[in-house]
Amino acid sequence: MNDASLTGSTSSTPLAGTAGALLSFAQRSIALIERWLTPLFDLAIRLYVASVFFKSGLTKIQDWSSTVALFQYEYQVPVLPPELAALMGTAGELGLPILLALGLAGRFGAAGLSVMNVVAVISYADLSDLGRQDHVLWGALLLVILFHGPGRWSLDYWLKQRWGSAH
């Protein structure tokens, strides 16, 4: 007799078959998640963060004199004059979210909004704890895009597939 017959461990036991089936099911499930849910969540992250910043930019252009006053008296942006800080901030809040939503230069858009997010937290001394938590969430989601990229459902991915990698 061989050792396998003495111990009862053969690869054709019902337990081994069940484990193999479970492993196969898990692998198929992970592949499904990677194929459909990951791109969906990448897109959802991009659209959510883009909408937050874009809406903020829209409020700034509704009343420009109030926006400049906010940058002069409330947001203490270091080094920049209030008018320039207001212009740059508003342009960033209106332009970068479009890139982010489309996934076009997605990492660039995420990097720019990350910088704006950090500047907003640093320059606004009266930010509440809840406001800080919002900025932490947005920052974390932007880091996902920075490190992971905008995902399969993005123009970056489409362009890379069409014209290949720039490497």
C-alpha atoms as a PDB file:
ATOM      1  CA  MET A   1       0.000   0.000   0.000  1.00  0.00           C
ATOM      2  CA  ASN A   2       1.121   3.550  -0.605  1.00  0.00           C
ATOM      3  CA  ASP A   3       1.011   6.417   1.906  1.00  0.00           C
ATOM      4  CA  ALA A   4      -1.992   8.082   0.253  1.00  0.00           C
ATOM      5  CA  SER A   5      -4.169   5.009   0.668  1.00  0.00           C
ATOM      6  CA  LEU A   6      -3.210   4.682   4.338  1.00  0.00           C
ATOM      7  CA  THR A   7      -4.087   8.267   5.211  1.00  0.00           C
ATOM      8  CA  GLY A   8      -7.133   8.425   3.019  1.00  0.00           C
ATOM      9  CA  SER A   9      -5.871  11.541   1.271  1.00  0.00           C
ATOM     10  CA  THR A  10      -6.308  11.346  -2.440  1.00  0.00           C
ATOM     11  CA  SER A  11      -7.031  14.136  -4.837  1.00  0.00           C
ATOM     12  CA  SER A  12     -10.333  12.570  -5.835  1.00  0.00           C
ATOM     13  CA  THR A  13     -12.027  12.773  -2.443  1.00  0.00           C
ATOM     14  CA  PRO A  14     -15.323  14.661  -2.203  1.00  0.00           C
ATOM     15  CA  LEU A  15     -13.644  17.242   0.038  1.00  0.00           C
ATOM     16  CA  ALA A  16     -10.952  17.970  -2.545  1.00  0.00           C
ATOM     17  CA  GLY A  17     -13.596  18.276  -5.257  1.00  0.00           C
ATOM     18  CA  THR A  18     -15.624  20.721  -3.148  1.00  0.00           C
ATOM     19  CA  ALA A  19     -12.533  22.783  -2.340  1.00  0.00           C
ATOM     20  CA  GLY A  20     -11.614  22.878  -6.014  1.00  0.00           C
ATOM     21  CA  ALA A  21     -15.125  23.977  -6.958  1.00  0.00           C
ATOM     22  CA  LEU A  22     -15.081  26.695  -4.280  1.00  0.00           C
ATOM     23  CA  LEU A  23     -11.686  27.913  -5.460  1.00  0.00           C
ATOM     24  CA  SER A  24     -12.893  27.983  -9.054  1.00  0.00           C
ATOM     25  CA  PHE A  25     -16.030  29.896  -8.025  1.00  0.00           C
ATOM     26  CA  ALA A  26     -13.923  32.396  -6.056  1.00  0.00           C
ATOM     27  CA  GLN A  27     -11.598  32.930  -9.010  1.00  0.00           C
ATOM     28  CA  ARG A  28     -14.523  33.497 -11.401  1.00  0.00           C
ATOM     29  CA  SER A  29     -16.126  35.902  -8.914  1.00  0.00           C
ATOM     30  CA  ILE A  30     -12.920  37.896  -8.548  1.00  0.00           C
ATOM     31  CA  ALA A  31     -12.535  38.032 -12.331  1.00  0.00           C
ATOM     32  CA  LEU A  32     -16.114  39.325 -12.624  1.00  0.00           C
ATOM     33  CA  ILE A  33     -15.445  41.979  -9.983  1.00  0.00           C
ATOM     34  CA  GLU A  34     -12.224  43.029 -11.689  1.00  0.00           C
ATOM     35  CA  ARG A  35     -13.919  43.198 -15.074  1.00  0.00           C
ATOM     36  CA  TRP A  36     -17.116  45.081 -14.140  1.00  0.00           C
ATOM     37  CA  LEU A  37     -17.275  46.348 -10.568  1.00  0.00           C
ATOM     38  CA  THR A  38     -13.780  47.819 -10.343  1.00  0.00           C
ATOM     39  CA  PRO A  39     -14.278  50.051 -13.415  1.00  0.00           C
ATOM     40  CA  LEU A  40     -17.726  50.990 -12.127  1.00  0.00           C
ATOM     41  CA  PHE A  41     -16.308  52.069  -8.768  1.00  0.00           C
ATOM     42  CA  ASP A  42     -13.427  53.905 -10.461  1.00  0.00           C
ATOM     43  CA  LEU A  43     -15.987  55.845 -12.496  1.00  0.00           C
ATOM     44  CA  ALA A  44     -18.184  56.485  -9.443  1.00  0.00           C
ATOM     45  CA  ILE A  45     -15.201  57.836  -7.487  1.00  0.00           C
ATOM     46  CA  ARG A  46     -14.220  60.132 -10.357  1.00  0.00           C
ATOM     47  CA  LEU A  47     -17.757  61.442 -10.866  1.00  0.00           C
ATOM     48  CA  TYR A  48     -18.382  61.991  -7.147  1.00  0.00           C
ATOM     49  CA  VAL A  49     -15.176  63.928  -6.500  1.00  0.00           C
ATOM     50  CA  ALA A  50     -15.509  65.851  -9.771  1.00  0.00           C
ATOM     51  CA  SER A  51     -19.048  66.938  -8.872  1.00  0.00           C
ATOM     52  CA  VAL A  52     -17.973  68.214  -5.442  1.00  0.00           C
ATOM     53  CA  PHE A  53     -15.227  70.428  -6.839  1.00  0.00           C
ATOM     54  CA  PHE A  54     -17.168  71.509  -9.946  1.00  0.00           C
ATOM     55  CA  LYS A  55     -20.163  72.640  -7.856  1.00  0.00           C
ATOM     56  CA  SER A  56     -17.798  74.643  -5.671  1.00  0.00           C
ATOM     57  CA  GLY A  57     -16.396  76.331  -8.782  1.00  0.00           C
ATOM     58  CA  LEU A  58     -19.897  77.142 -10.019  1.00  0.00           C
ATOM     59  CA  THR A  59     -20.748  78.888  -6.744  1.00  0.00           C
ATOM     60  CA  LYS A  60     -17.610  80.999  -7.073  1.00  0.00           C
ATOM     61  CA  ILE A  61     -18.522  82.353 -10.517  1.00  0.00           C
ATOM     62  CA  GLN A  62     -22.058  83.294  -9.456  1.00  0.00           C
ATOM     63  CA  ASP A  63     -20.804  86.290  -7.483  1.00  0.00           C
ATOM     64  CA  TRP A  64     -17.213  87.132  -8.304  1.00  0.00           C
ATOM     65  CA  SER A  65     -16.867  90.059  -5.880  1.00  0.00           C
ATOM     66  CA  SER A  66     -17.954  87.814  -2.994  1.00  0.00           C
ATOM     67  CA  THR A  67     -15.495  85.167  -4.142  1.00  0.00           C
ATOM     68  CA  VAL A  68     -12.608  87.639  -4.152  1.00  0.00           C
ATOM     69  CA  ALA A  69     -13.705  88.896  -0.722  1.00  0.00           C
ATOM     70  CA  LEU A  70     -13.680  85.318   0.589  1.00  0.00           C
ATOM     71  CA  PHE A  71     -10.138  84.852  -0.675  1.00  0.00           C
ATOM     72  CA  GLN A  72      -9.157  88.183   0.873  1.00  0.00           C
ATOM     73  CA  TYR A  73     -10.682  87.747   4.334  1.00  0.00           C
ATOM     74  CA  GLU A  74     -11.565  84.072   4.917  1.00  0.00           C
ATOM     75  CA  TYR A  75      -9.199  81.888   2.898  1.00  0.00           C
ATOM     76  CA  GLN A  76      -5.706  82.879   3.830  1.00  0.00           C
ATOM     77  CA  VAL A  77      -3.918  81.470   0.776  1.00  0.00           C
ATOM     78  CA  PRO A  78      -0.208  81.973   1.365  1.00  0.00           C
ATOM     79  CA  VAL A  79       1.903  84.073  -1.045  1.00  0.00           C
ATOM     80  CA  LEU A  80      -0.785  84.797  -3.679  1.00  0.00           C
ATOM     81  CA  PRO A  81      -2.839  87.987  -3.931  1.00  0.00           C
ATOM     82  CA  PRO A  82      -6.559  87.296  -3.288  1.00  0.00           C
ATOM     83  CA  GLU A  83      -7.617  88.052  -6.884  1.00  0.00           C
ATOM     84  CA  LEU A  84      -5.071  85.628  -8.339  1.00  0.00           C
ATOM     85  CA  ALA A  85      -5.850  82.954  -5.743  1.00  0.00           C
ATOM     86  CA  ALA A  86      -9.581  83.291  -6.501  1.00  0.00           C
ATOM     87  CA  LEU A  87      -8.968  83.063 -10.242  1.00  0.00           C
ATOM     88  CA  MET A  88      -6.646  80.068  -9.971  1.00  0.00           C
ATOM     89  CA  GLY A  89      -8.882  78.278  -7.486  1.00  0.00           C
ATOM     90  CA  THR A  90     -12.000  78.817  -9.560  1.00  0.00           C
ATOM     91  CA  ALA A  91     -10.282  77.772 -12.794  1.00  0.00           C
ATOM     92  CA  GLY A  92      -9.000  74.638 -11.084  1.00  0.00           C
ATOM     93  CA  GLU A  93     -12.408  73.814  -9.635  1.00  0.00           C
ATOM     94  CA  LEU A  94     -14.046  74.167 -13.039  1.00  0.00           C
ATOM     95  CA  GLY A  95     -11.383  72.632 -15.301  1.00  0.00           C
ATOM     96  CA  LEU A  96      -9.790  69.800 -13.346  1.00  0.00           C
ATOM     97  CA  PRO A  97     -13.093  68.081 -12.483  1.00  0.00           C
ATOM     98  CA  ILE A  98     -13.927  67.859 -16.184  1.00  0.00           C
ATOM     99  CA  LEU A  99     -10.642  66.048 -16.818  1.00  0.00           C
ATOM    100  CA  LEU A 100     -11.308  63.826 -13.830  1.00  0.00           C
ATOM    101  CA  ALA A 101     -14.871  62.969 -14.860  1.00  0.00           C
ATOM    102  CA  LEU A 102     -13.796  62.081 -18.397  1.00  0.00           C
ATOM    103  CA  GLY A 103     -10.737  60.228 -17.189  1.00  0.00           C
ATOM    104  CA  LEU A 104      -8.639  62.342 -19.551  1.00  0.00           C
ATOM    105  CA  ALA A 105      -5.258  63.038 -17.983  1.00  0.00           C
ATOM    106  CA  GLY A 106      -6.973  61.533 -14.949  1.00  0.00           C
ATOM    107  CA  ARG A 107      -3.908  61.396 -12.742  1.00  0.00           C
ATOM    108  CA  PHE A 108      -3.091  65.015 -13.593  1.00  0.00           C
ATOM    109  CA  GLY A 109      -6.631  66.080 -12.657  1.00  0.00           C
ATOM    110  CA  ALA A 110      -6.465  64.093  -9.431  1.00  0.00           C
ATOM    111  CA  ALA A 111      -3.068  65.580  -8.565  1.00  0.00           C
ATOM    112  CA  GLY A 112      -4.282  69.135  -9.175  1.00  0.00           C
ATOM    113  CA  LEU A 113      -7.423  68.630  -7.108  1.00  0.00           C
ATOM    114  CA  SER A 114      -5.338  67.009  -4.363  1.00  0.00           C
ATOM    115  CA  VAL A 115      -3.174  70.117  -4.156  1.00  0.00           C
ATOM    116  CA  MET A 116      -6.287  72.314  -4.086  1.00  0.00           C
ATOM    117  CA  ASN A 117      -7.793  70.116  -1.381  1.00  0.00           C
ATOM    118  CA  VAL A 118      -4.702  70.447   0.820  1.00  0.00           C
ATOM    119  CA  VAL A 119      -4.514  74.213   0.231  1.00  0.00           C
ATOM    120  CA  ALA A 120      -8.201  74.540   1.162  1.00  0.00           C
ATOM    121  CA  VAL A 121      -7.658  72.748   4.470  1.00  0.00           C
ATOM    122  CA  ILE A 122      -4.527  74.741   5.295  1.00  0.00           C
ATOM    123  CA  SER A 123      -5.839  78.151   4.241  1.00  0.00           C
ATOM    124  CA  TYR A 124      -9.273  78.059   5.893  1.00  0.00           C
ATOM    125  CA  ALA A 125      -8.697  78.292   9.626  1.00  0.00           C
ATOM    126  CA  ASP A 126     -12.394  78.044  10.579  1.00  0.00           C
ATOM    127  CA  LEU A 127     -12.962  74.669   8.909  1.00  0.00           C
ATOM    128  CA  SER A 128     -15.226  72.524  11.099  1.00  0.00           C
ATOM    129  CA  ASP A 129     -14.489  68.936  12.060  1.00  0.00           C
ATOM    130  CA  LEU A 130     -17.160  67.762   9.622  1.00  0.00           C
ATOM    131  CA  GLY A 131     -15.603  69.879   6.886  1.00  0.00           C
ATOM    132  CA  ARG A 132     -12.206  68.367   7.657  1.00  0.00           C
ATOM    133  CA  GLN A 133     -13.708  64.880   7.397  1.00  0.00           C
ATOM    134  CA  ASP A 134     -15.103  65.745   3.963  1.00  0.00           C
ATOM    135  CA  HIS A 135     -11.678  66.915   2.815  1.00  0.00           C
ATOM    136  CA  VAL A 136     -10.063  63.737   4.162  1.00  0.00           C
ATOM    137  CA  LEU A 137     -12.580  61.629   2.207  1.00  0.00           C
ATOM    138  CA  TRP A 138     -12.028  63.615  -0.995  1.00  0.00           C
ATOM    139  CA  GLY A 139      -8.277  63.425  -0.492  1.00  0.00           C
ATOM    140  CA  ALA A 140      -8.379  59.652   0.010  1.00  0.00           C
ATOM    141  CA  LEU A 141     -10.504  59.173  -3.108  1.00  0.00           C
ATOM    142  CA  LEU A 142      -8.162  61.392  -5.108  1.00  0.00           C
ATOM    143  CA  LEU A 143      -5.222  59.293  -3.906  1.00  0.00           C
ATOM    144  CA  VAL A 144      -6.979  56.178  -5.219  1.00  0.00           C
ATOM    145  CA  ILE A 145      -7.096  57.802  -8.654  1.00  0.00           C
ATOM    146  CA  LEU A 146      -3.514  59.042  -8.385  1.00  0.00           C
ATOM    147  CA  PHE A 147      -2.105  55.610  -7.532  1.00  0.00           C
ATOM    148  CA  HIS A 148      -4.565  53.383  -9.421  1.00  0.00           C
ATOM    149  CA  GLY A 149      -5.330  55.588 -12.416  1.00  0.00           C
ATOM    150  CA  PRO A 150      -8.767  56.581 -13.700  1.00  0.00           C
ATOM    151  CA  GLY A 151      -9.708  53.001 -14.585  1.00  0.00           C
ATOM    152  CA  ARG A 152     -10.940  51.107 -17.628  1.00  0.00           C
ATOM    153  CA  TRP A 153     -13.963  53.314 -18.229  1.00  0.00           C
ATOM    154  CA  SER A 154     -11.906  56.414 -18.962  1.00  0.00           C
ATOM    155  CA  LEU A 155     -10.556  58.245 -21.981  1.00  0.00           C
ATOM    156  CA  ASP A 156      -7.027  57.561 -20.732  1.00  0.00           C
ATOM    157  CA  TYR A 157      -7.668  53.817 -20.958  1.00  0.00           C
ATOM    158  CA  TRP A 158      -9.343  54.132 -24.361  1.00  0.00           C
ATOM    159  CA  LEU A 159      -6.481  56.225 -25.749  1.00  0.00           C
ATOM    160  CA  LYS A 160      -3.909  53.797 -24.384  1.00  0.00           C
ATOM    161  CA  GLN A 161      -5.749  50.875 -26.013  1.00  0.00           C
ATOM    162  CA  ARG A 162      -6.042  52.734 -29.295  1.00  0.00           C
ATOM    163  CA  TRP A 163      -2.524  54.135 -29.585  1.00  0.00           C
ATOM    164  CA  GLY A 164      -0.620  51.985 -27.146  1.00  0.00           C
ATOM    165  CA  SER A 165       1.529  52.865 -24.225  1.00  0.00           C
ATOM    166  CA  ALA A 166       3.813  55.879 -24.396  1.00  0.00           C
ATOM    167  CA  HIS A 167       6.670  53.815 -22.961  1.00  0.00           C
END
